[in-house]
Amino acid sequence: MTARGVRAASSGQLGGHRVDDPAFRRISVALFAAGLATFALLYTPQPLLPELAAAFDVSAAQSALSVSVCTLGLGAALLVVGPVSELVGRTPLMHASLFASSVVGLACSLAPGWTAFLLLRAVQGVTLAGLPAVAMAYLREEVADDSHARATGLYVGGTALGGMVGRLVSGGLAELGGWRVATAGVGALGLACALVVAWLLPASRRFMPAHPSVRSLAATTAGVLRDPALLALYGLAATMMGGFVAVYNATGFRLAAPPYLLGVGLAGLVFCVYPLGSVGSAYAGRLADRHGRRAVVPAACLLTVAGLLLTLAAPLPLVVLGLGILTAGFFAAHGVASGWVAARAQLGAGGTAQAASLYLFAYYLGSSVFGGLAGAAWTAGRWPAVVLLAGGLFAVGLVLALLLRRTRSLLDRPAAGAAVPAS
């Protein structure tokens, strides 16, 4: 363990905020709001694609670019923002990211043409990267070890609700006033969340700036790319997110086809199962604090597979139930795994934000690559083919989770009675 890792681990165990501290509650509420805003802004256009296609006279495939250019900008910026935060700190980047992304969201509602709208969405992806890139690193530094997984679960729960809120609010507002009102409404929601975060989030107390040199940055980056456990967690992010997005991308086609024949509005209500992701993430965080991450992640992966298999049933209530179980399992695995990345990096070579950025880069790469294959799977073999694609990815994720149980822990022997998740 590096000297920096020792200092950081010690401060996290001895002086970090715990569940009963008022500061812990402020952090939890602030990052819940931050996660909600980030993912509401990210997925605003998804239910608006038909209206965007009509308003700008573009094809359905072109309208989907309004989502993909944002995720691509986010993924690319993550690789830069993480290392930058090691120099300038966590909270300044989080505040700047939320305010800038909300302002760009409001600007999107005023876009005069399709090219301008896409450019603004790409810029929004870049500005959004500041929050997810450093939130895990902030939590690792400021929250005590025995409360860290719970705080991470609440943050990831906010991202799950944000994904739902962004889709439902924009869809509802579009019914009232069109896509411009919908986009402006979510931008205003993001701005309100940014103000909540500015008011509640405590400033960093334990951040230690990295030495500003290319050699130091290269050494830290090499460290987070050499650790077998971190590499397995990156793979887990790519496969689990890829399967999750593939399922939801194809679900709209399935619900619009016989025997369901649901309209876009009714089919969109399937996203109402997303709160189960918040519940799953928060509960998994508590279990990880009590039993350790190595036990919880494989169980969450198994729950995800069980939900996927249930969607093979024909009755619509069972399909929705299966999606709910899958969503709870996925966010439980993601919530614990993402916190594990920050913990592992901090105890090793440092570079918690770099490790978190690489995890999220893999996460969005899996979303882009495997989510895009969902349409081809649906065309080739309908829902069984989609289940085969997602099931294969979830199976790889489960294997990686089981291999993580065998990786060497970086924790030395904890003090007697300390409840510290294995890292």
Protein backbone atom coordinates (compact mmCIF):
# COMPACT_ATOMS: atom_id res chain seq x y z
CA MET A 1 0.00 0.00 0.00
CA THR A 2 1.33 3.46 -0.83
CA ALA A 3 1.90 6.11 1.82
CA ARG A 4 -0.99 8.05 0.34
CA GLY A 5 -3.17 4.97 0.52
CA VAL A 6 -2.26 4.44 4.18
CA ARG A 7 -3.06 8.04 5.09
CA ALA A 8 -6.33 7.96 3.19
CA ALA A 9 -7.40 4.65 4.67
CA SER A 10 -6.62 5.84 8.14
CA SER A 11 -8.53 9.07 7.76
CA GLY A 12 -11.48 7.23 6.26
CA GLN A 13 -11.64 4.80 9.17
CA LEU A 14 -10.99 7.20 12.01
CA GLY A 15 -12.42 10.55 11.03
CA GLY A 16 -14.93 10.08 8.24
CA HIS A 17 -18.62 10.87 8.59
CA ARG A 18 -20.77 8.01 9.90
CA VAL A 19 -24.45 7.19 9.53
CA ASP A 20 -25.48 9.00 12.71
CA ASP A 21 -23.62 12.22 11.87
CA PRO A 22 -25.64 15.21 10.60
CA ALA A 23 -22.96 15.71 7.93
CA PHE A 24 -23.57 12.16 6.66
CA ARG A 25 -27.26 12.96 6.17
CA ARG A 26 -26.36 16.17 4.33
CA ILE A 27 -23.97 14.26 2.07
CA SER A 28 -26.57 11.57 1.39
CA VAL A 29 -29.33 14.04 0.46
CA ALA A 30 -26.98 16.21 -1.60
CA LEU A 31 -25.57 13.35 -3.65
CA PHE A 32 -29.01 11.79 -4.06
CA ALA A 33 -30.12 15.11 -5.61
CA ALA A 34 -26.93 15.27 -7.67
CA GLY A 35 -27.44 11.77 -9.06
CA LEU A 36 -31.07 12.51 -9.83
CA ALA A 37 -30.19 15.70 -11.72
CA THR A 38 -27.33 14.14 -13.68
CA PHE A 39 -29.30 11.23 -15.05
CA ALA A 40 -32.52 13.17 -15.56
CA LEU A 41 -30.57 15.57 -17.79
CA LEU A 42 -28.73 12.73 -19.53
CA TYR A 43 -31.89 10.85 -20.59
CA THR A 44 -34.25 13.78 -21.21
CA PRO A 45 -34.64 13.18 -24.99
CA GLN A 46 -35.30 9.43 -24.86
CA PRO A 47 -39.13 9.61 -24.67
CA LEU A 48 -39.10 12.62 -27.02
CA LEU A 49 -37.48 10.87 -29.99
CA PRO A 50 -40.63 10.67 -32.18
CA GLU A 51 -41.42 14.33 -31.51
CA LEU A 52 -37.82 15.39 -32.18
CA ALA A 53 -37.87 13.45 -35.46
CA ALA A 54 -41.04 15.27 -36.53
CA ALA A 55 -39.95 18.71 -35.29
CA PHE A 56 -36.56 18.63 -37.04
CA ASP A 57 -37.61 16.44 -39.99
CA VAL A 58 -35.04 13.72 -39.27
CA SER A 59 -35.29 9.94 -39.28
CA ALA A 60 -35.85 7.82 -36.20
CA ALA A 61 -32.22 6.68 -36.28
CA GLN A 62 -31.02 10.27 -36.49
CA SER A 63 -33.25 11.32 -33.61
CA ALA A 64 -31.56 8.68 -31.42
CA LEU A 65 -28.31 10.62 -31.83
CA SER A 66 -29.66 13.10 -29.29
CA VAL A 67 -29.03 10.47 -26.62
CA SER A 68 -25.89 8.85 -28.00
CA VAL A 69 -23.91 12.06 -28.60
CA CYS A 70 -24.47 12.98 -24.96
CA THR A 71 -23.34 9.60 -23.62
CA LEU A 72 -20.32 9.64 -25.94
CA GLY A 73 -19.35 13.11 -24.71
CA LEU A 74 -19.81 11.96 -21.14
CA GLY A 75 -17.70 8.82 -21.62
CA ALA A 76 -14.85 10.69 -23.30
CA ALA A 77 -14.82 13.49 -20.73
CA LEU A 78 -14.69 11.00 -17.85
CA LEU A 79 -11.16 10.04 -18.88
CA VAL A 80 -10.05 13.66 -18.46
CA VAL A 81 -12.16 14.89 -15.54
CA GLY A 82 -11.07 12.11 -13.18
CA PRO A 83 -7.34 12.91 -13.36
CA VAL A 84 -8.07 16.66 -13.24
CA SER A 85 -9.99 16.23 -10.01
CA GLU A 86 -6.90 14.68 -8.41
CA LEU A 87 -5.32 18.11 -8.79
CA VAL A 88 -8.15 20.61 -8.21
CA GLY A 89 -10.41 18.75 -5.79
CA ARG A 90 -13.81 17.11 -5.79
CA THR A 91 -16.47 19.60 -4.73
CA PRO A 92 -15.54 22.41 -7.16
CA LEU A 93 -15.95 20.04 -10.10
CA MET A 94 -19.24 18.63 -8.82
CA HIS A 95 -20.77 22.08 -8.36
CA ALA A 96 -19.52 23.31 -11.73
CA SER A 97 -20.79 20.17 -13.47
CA LEU A 98 -24.33 20.43 -12.11
CA PHE A 99 -24.77 24.14 -12.78
CA ALA A 100 -23.21 24.02 -16.25
CA SER A 101 -25.21 20.94 -17.30
CA SER A 102 -28.47 22.53 -16.18
CA VAL A 103 -27.74 25.75 -18.07
CA VAL A 104 -26.89 23.78 -21.21
CA GLY A 105 -30.13 21.83 -20.73
CA LEU A 106 -32.06 25.11 -20.75
CA ALA A 107 -30.14 26.19 -23.85
CA CYS A 108 -31.12 22.94 -25.61
CA SER A 109 -34.76 24.02 -25.39
CA LEU A 110 -33.88 27.09 -27.49
CA ALA A 111 -31.87 25.26 -30.18
CA PRO A 112 -32.76 26.74 -33.60
CA GLY A 113 -31.97 23.60 -35.58
CA TRP A 114 -30.99 19.94 -35.42
CA THR A 115 -27.24 20.49 -35.70
CA ALA A 116 -27.29 23.06 -32.92
CA PHE A 117 -29.35 20.71 -30.73
CA LEU A 118 -26.86 17.86 -31.23
CA LEU A 119 -23.90 20.13 -30.51
CA LEU A 120 -25.52 21.33 -27.30
CA ARG A 121 -26.24 17.73 -26.27
CA ALA A 122 -22.61 16.79 -26.89
CA VAL A 123 -21.49 19.74 -24.76
CA GLN A 124 -23.94 18.66 -22.09
CA GLY A 125 -22.36 15.21 -22.03
CA VAL A 126 -18.97 16.79 -21.36
CA THR A 127 -20.30 19.02 -18.58
CA LEU A 128 -22.20 16.13 -16.98
CA ALA A 129 -18.98 14.14 -16.54
CA GLY A 130 -17.83 16.21 -13.56
CA LEU A 131 -20.34 14.67 -11.16
CA PRO A 132 -20.12 10.91 -11.78
CA ALA A 133 -16.35 11.09 -12.27
CA VAL A 134 -15.67 12.32 -8.74
CA ALA A 135 -18.72 11.50 -6.60
CA MET A 136 -17.36 8.07 -5.65
CA ALA A 137 -13.95 9.51 -4.83
CA TYR A 138 -15.57 12.18 -2.66
CA LEU A 139 -17.59 9.58 -0.76
CA ARG A 140 -14.54 7.40 -0.23
CA GLU A 141 -12.57 10.29 1.23
CA GLU A 142 -15.28 11.88 3.37
CA VAL A 143 -17.35 8.95 4.67
CA ALA A 144 -16.17 6.40 7.24
CA ASP A 145 -15.46 2.88 6.02
CA ASP A 146 -18.33 1.33 7.95
CA SER A 147 -20.83 3.76 6.35
CA HIS A 148 -19.35 4.10 2.88
CA ALA A 149 -21.32 1.39 1.08
CA ARG A 150 -24.61 2.78 2.44
CA ALA A 151 -23.79 6.30 1.23
CA THR A 152 -22.82 4.93 -2.18
CA GLY A 153 -26.08 3.01 -2.37
CA LEU A 154 -28.08 6.17 -1.72
CA TYR A 155 -26.16 8.05 -4.42
CA VAL A 156 -26.68 5.29 -6.98
CA GLY A 157 -30.33 5.18 -5.93
CA GLY A 158 -30.55 8.82 -6.91
CA THR A 159 -29.13 8.01 -10.33
CA ALA A 160 -31.76 5.29 -10.77
CA LEU A 161 -34.57 7.69 -9.93
CA GLY A 162 -32.98 10.31 -12.14
CA GLY A 163 -33.13 7.97 -15.11
CA MET A 164 -36.84 7.47 -14.47
CA VAL A 165 -37.64 11.12 -13.67
CA GLY A 166 -35.89 12.40 -16.77
CA ARG A 167 -37.98 10.15 -18.97
CA LEU A 168 -41.31 10.59 -17.19
CA VAL A 169 -41.08 14.36 -16.65
CA SER A 170 -39.95 15.09 -20.20
CA GLY A 171 -42.66 12.80 -21.60
CA GLY A 172 -45.36 14.42 -19.45
CA LEU A 173 -44.28 17.97 -20.23
CA ALA A 174 -44.08 17.17 -23.93
CA GLU A 175 -47.77 16.24 -23.84
CA LEU A 176 -48.50 19.71 -22.44
CA GLY A 177 -46.22 21.95 -24.43
CA GLY A 178 -43.95 20.06 -26.80
CA TRP A 179 -40.30 19.07 -26.69
CA ARG A 180 -39.03 22.58 -25.93
CA VAL A 181 -41.13 22.84 -22.76
CA ALA A 182 -40.06 19.33 -21.78
CA THR A 183 -36.35 20.05 -22.23
CA ALA A 184 -36.58 23.35 -20.39
CA GLY A 185 -38.50 21.71 -17.54
CA VAL A 186 -35.82 19.09 -16.92
CA GLY A 187 -33.15 21.80 -17.17
CA ALA A 188 -34.98 23.74 -14.45
CA LEU A 189 -35.18 20.58 -12.34
CA GLY A 190 -31.42 20.16 -12.72
CA LEU A 191 -30.83 23.75 -11.66
CA ALA A 192 -32.97 23.24 -8.54
CA CYS A 193 -30.98 20.11 -7.65
CA ALA A 194 -27.72 22.01 -8.20
CA LEU A 195 -28.86 24.62 -5.67
CA VAL A 196 -29.69 21.86 -3.16
CA VAL A 197 -26.22 20.38 -3.61
CA ALA A 198 -24.55 23.80 -3.23
CA TRP A 199 -26.47 24.32 0.02
CA LEU A 200 -26.04 20.90 1.60
CA LEU A 201 -22.83 19.25 0.38
CA PRO A 202 -19.96 19.69 2.87
CA ALA A 203 -16.66 20.81 1.41
CA SER A 204 -13.90 18.21 1.15
CA ARG A 205 -11.87 17.83 4.34
CA ARG A 206 -9.62 14.89 3.43
CA PHE A 207 -8.77 15.54 -0.18
CA MET A 208 -5.02 15.37 -0.80
CA PRO A 209 -3.95 16.87 -4.15
CA ALA A 210 -1.78 14.69 -6.34
CA HIS A 211 1.64 15.93 -7.35
CA PRO A 212 1.04 17.90 -10.58
CA SER A 213 3.41 16.07 -12.90
CA VAL A 214 3.02 13.86 -15.94
CA ARG A 215 5.13 11.16 -14.27
CA SER A 216 2.92 11.12 -11.17
CA LEU A 217 -0.25 11.00 -13.27
CA ALA A 218 1.16 8.17 -15.39
CA ALA A 219 2.17 6.21 -12.28
CA THR A 220 -1.28 6.57 -10.73
CA THR A 221 -3.00 5.60 -13.99
CA ALA A 222 -0.77 2.55 -14.33
CA GLY A 223 -1.69 1.57 -10.77
CA VAL A 224 -5.43 1.55 -11.41
CA LEU A 225 -4.88 -0.44 -14.63
CA ARG A 226 -2.67 -3.11 -13.04
CA ASP A 227 -4.89 -4.22 -10.18
CA PRO A 228 -6.73 -7.46 -11.20
CA ALA A 229 -9.67 -6.61 -8.94
CA LEU A 230 -10.14 -3.18 -10.52
CA LEU A 231 -9.92 -4.70 -14.00
CA ALA A 232 -12.60 -7.22 -13.03
CA LEU A 233 -14.80 -4.40 -11.72
CA TYR A 234 -14.38 -2.49 -15.00
CA GLY A 235 -15.45 -5.65 -16.86
CA LEU A 236 -18.39 -6.08 -14.50
CA ALA A 237 -19.53 -2.52 -15.29
CA ALA A 238 -19.37 -3.06 -19.06
CA THR A 239 -21.20 -6.39 -19.11
CA MET A 240 -23.89 -5.66 -16.54
CA MET A 241 -24.71 -2.23 -18.00
CA GLY A 242 -24.60 -3.62 -21.53
CA GLY A 243 -27.13 -6.32 -20.70
CA PHE A 244 -29.33 -3.91 -18.74
CA VAL A 245 -29.53 -1.34 -21.55
CA ALA A 246 -30.07 -4.07 -24.15
CA VAL A 247 -33.13 -5.28 -22.24
CA TYR A 248 -34.67 -1.82 -21.93
CA ASN A 249 -33.84 -0.84 -25.51
CA ALA A 250 -35.70 -3.90 -26.79
CA THR A 251 -38.57 -3.70 -24.31
CA GLY A 252 -40.26 -0.90 -26.26
CA PHE A 253 -40.31 -3.04 -29.41
CA ARG A 254 -41.71 -6.00 -27.48
CA LEU A 255 -44.51 -4.03 -25.82
CA ALA A 256 -45.52 -2.43 -29.13
CA ALA A 257 -45.76 -5.84 -30.83
CA PRO A 258 -48.48 -8.47 -30.43
CA PRO A 259 -49.89 -9.61 -28.08
CA TYR A 260 -49.46 -6.38 -26.09
CA LEU A 261 -49.80 -3.65 -28.76
CA LEU A 262 -49.16 -0.85 -26.26
CA GLY A 263 -48.79 2.76 -27.34
CA VAL A 264 -45.68 4.78 -26.62
CA GLY A 265 -47.19 6.44 -23.55
CA LEU A 266 -48.31 3.22 -21.91
CA ALA A 267 -45.10 1.39 -22.81
CA GLY A 268 -43.10 4.22 -21.26
CA LEU A 269 -44.72 3.53 -17.90
CA VAL A 270 -42.47 0.49 -17.64
CA PHE A 271 -39.82 2.91 -16.35
CA CYS A 272 -41.88 3.21 -13.19
CA VAL A 273 -40.06 0.09 -11.98
CA TYR A 274 -36.89 2.20 -11.68
CA PRO A 275 -37.53 3.07 -8.00
CA LEU A 276 -36.87 -0.61 -7.31
CA GLY A 277 -33.34 0.15 -8.47
CA SER A 278 -33.07 2.81 -5.78
CA VAL A 279 -34.36 0.38 -3.17
CA GLY A 280 -32.04 -2.36 -4.37
CA SER A 281 -29.01 -0.09 -4.39
CA ALA A 282 -29.64 1.36 -0.93
CA TYR A 283 -30.40 -2.04 0.62
CA ALA A 284 -27.35 -3.62 -1.00
CA GLY A 285 -25.23 -0.83 0.46
CA ARG A 286 -26.44 -1.69 3.95
CA LEU A 287 -25.79 -5.38 3.36
CA ALA A 288 -22.29 -4.61 2.07
CA ASP A 289 -21.53 -2.59 5.21
CA ARG A 290 -22.58 -5.61 7.26
CA HIS A 291 -21.41 -8.62 5.24
CA GLY A 292 -18.84 -7.23 2.79
CA ARG A 293 -18.89 -6.40 -0.89
CA ARG A 294 -17.53 -9.79 -1.94
CA ALA A 295 -20.71 -11.49 -0.72
CA VAL A 296 -23.23 -8.95 -2.00
CA VAL A 297 -22.14 -8.40 -5.63
CA PRO A 298 -22.51 -12.05 -6.77
CA ALA A 299 -25.92 -12.26 -5.08
CA ALA A 300 -27.03 -9.10 -6.89
CA CYS A 301 -25.85 -10.54 -10.22
CA LEU A 302 -27.89 -13.70 -9.58
CA LEU A 303 -30.96 -11.58 -8.82
CA THR A 304 -30.48 -9.78 -12.13
CA VAL A 305 -30.37 -13.08 -14.02
CA ALA A 306 -33.51 -14.29 -12.22
CA GLY A 307 -35.40 -11.17 -13.27
CA LEU A 308 -34.27 -11.56 -16.86
CA LEU A 309 -35.46 -15.17 -17.04
CA LEU A 310 -38.85 -14.15 -15.63
CA THR A 311 -39.36 -11.78 -18.59
CA LEU A 312 -39.61 -14.85 -20.85
CA ALA A 313 -43.13 -15.36 -19.48
CA ALA A 314 -45.97 -14.14 -21.70
CA PRO A 315 -48.36 -12.45 -19.21
CA LEU A 316 -47.61 -8.73 -19.02
CA PRO A 317 -47.66 -8.57 -15.17
CA LEU A 318 -44.92 -11.22 -15.05
CA VAL A 319 -42.89 -9.35 -17.67
CA VAL A 320 -43.09 -6.16 -15.60
CA LEU A 321 -42.25 -8.07 -12.42
CA GLY A 322 -39.23 -9.58 -14.14
CA LEU A 323 -38.07 -6.12 -15.24
CA GLY A 324 -38.50 -4.86 -11.68
CA ILE A 325 -36.40 -7.69 -10.23
CA LEU A 326 -33.78 -7.22 -12.93
CA THR A 327 -33.64 -3.48 -12.22
CA ALA A 328 -33.26 -4.00 -8.47
CA GLY A 329 -30.50 -6.55 -9.00
CA PHE A 330 -28.62 -4.47 -11.53
CA PHE A 331 -28.56 -1.32 -9.42
CA ALA A 332 -27.64 -3.34 -6.33
CA ALA A 333 -24.62 -4.76 -8.16
CA HIS A 334 -23.67 -1.41 -9.69
CA GLY A 335 -24.07 0.52 -6.45
CA VAL A 336 -21.79 -1.80 -4.48
CA ALA A 337 -19.29 -2.33 -7.31
CA SER A 338 -18.85 1.38 -8.01
CA GLY A 339 -18.12 2.07 -4.35
CA TRP A 340 -15.73 -0.90 -4.31
CA VAL A 341 -13.71 0.69 -7.13
CA ALA A 342 -13.08 3.86 -5.12
CA ALA A 343 -12.27 1.90 -1.98
CA ARG A 344 -9.87 -0.42 -3.76
CA ALA A 345 -8.05 2.41 -5.53
CA GLN A 346 -7.70 4.46 -2.36
CA LEU A 347 -6.17 1.56 -0.46
CA GLY A 348 -3.84 0.77 -3.34
CA ALA A 349 -2.08 3.20 -5.63
CA GLY A 350 -4.43 6.13 -5.02
CA GLY A 351 -6.18 7.78 -7.95
CA THR A 352 -9.70 7.14 -6.72
CA ALA A 353 -11.23 9.53 -9.25
CA GLN A 354 -9.20 7.98 -12.08
CA ALA A 355 -10.37 4.50 -11.11
CA ALA A 356 -13.98 5.70 -10.82
CA SER A 357 -13.69 7.37 -14.24
CA LEU A 358 -12.37 4.18 -15.84
CA TYR A 359 -15.20 2.22 -14.25
CA LEU A 360 -17.77 4.63 -15.65
CA PHE A 361 -16.03 4.71 -19.03
CA ALA A 362 -16.41 0.91 -19.19
CA TYR A 363 -20.01 1.32 -17.99
CA TYR A 364 -20.95 3.67 -20.83
CA LEU A 365 -18.89 1.76 -23.38
CA GLY A 366 -20.88 -1.37 -22.52
CA SER A 367 -24.09 0.64 -22.80
CA SER A 368 -23.17 1.97 -26.24
CA VAL A 369 -21.85 -1.29 -27.72
CA PHE A 370 -24.18 -3.92 -26.29
CA GLY A 371 -27.22 -1.65 -26.03
CA GLY A 372 -26.87 -1.02 -29.73
CA LEU A 373 -26.93 -4.77 -30.42
CA ALA A 374 -30.37 -5.11 -28.84
CA GLY A 375 -32.13 -4.01 -32.03
CA ALA A 376 -30.25 -6.57 -34.10
CA ALA A 377 -31.05 -9.29 -31.54
CA TRP A 378 -34.74 -8.36 -31.61
CA THR A 379 -34.81 -8.45 -35.41
CA ALA A 380 -33.02 -11.80 -35.51
CA GLY A 381 -34.99 -13.71 -32.89
CA ARG A 382 -37.41 -11.45 -31.01
CA TRP A 383 -37.39 -11.55 -27.21
CA PRO A 384 -35.61 -14.93 -26.74
CA ALA A 385 -32.66 -13.56 -28.72
CA VAL A 386 -32.57 -10.44 -26.53
CA VAL A 387 -32.62 -12.62 -23.41
CA LEU A 388 -29.79 -14.71 -24.86
CA LEU A 389 -27.71 -11.57 -25.48
CA ALA A 390 -28.37 -10.03 -22.08
CA GLY A 391 -28.12 -13.36 -20.29
CA GLY A 392 -24.69 -13.98 -21.77
CA LEU A 393 -23.51 -10.59 -20.59
CA PHE A 394 -24.98 -11.08 -17.10
CA ALA A 395 -23.31 -14.51 -16.95
CA VAL A 396 -19.93 -12.93 -17.66
CA GLY A 397 -20.65 -10.36 -14.96
CA LEU A 398 -21.48 -13.13 -12.48
CA VAL A 399 -18.24 -14.96 -13.29
CA LEU A 400 -16.28 -11.75 -12.72
CA ALA A 401 -18.11 -11.19 -9.42
CA LEU A 402 -17.18 -14.71 -8.30
CA LEU A 403 -13.56 -14.17 -9.33
CA LEU A 404 -13.54 -10.97 -7.27
CA ARG A 405 -14.20 -13.11 -4.20
CA ARG A 406 -10.79 -14.73 -4.79
CA THR A 407 -8.77 -11.54 -5.27
CA ARG A 408 -6.44 -10.47 -2.51
CA SER A 409 -7.83 -7.88 -0.11
CA LEU A 410 -5.75 -4.72 0.31
CA LEU A 411 -6.97 -4.26 3.86
CA ASP A 412 -4.65 -5.16 6.64
CA ARG A 413 -6.26 -6.78 9.66
CA PRO A 414 -9.01 -4.39 10.86
CA ALA A 415 -9.25 -3.26 14.44
CA ALA A 416 -11.30 -5.55 16.65
CA GLY A 417 -15.01 -4.99 16.17
CA ALA A 418 -14.58 -2.80 13.10
CA ALA A 419 -17.19 -3.43 10.42
CA VAL A 420 -15.11 -2.79 7.29
CA PRO A 421 -16.17 -4.14 3.89
CA ALA A 422 -13.45 -6.11 2.12
CA SER A 423 -11.77 -4.13 -0.64
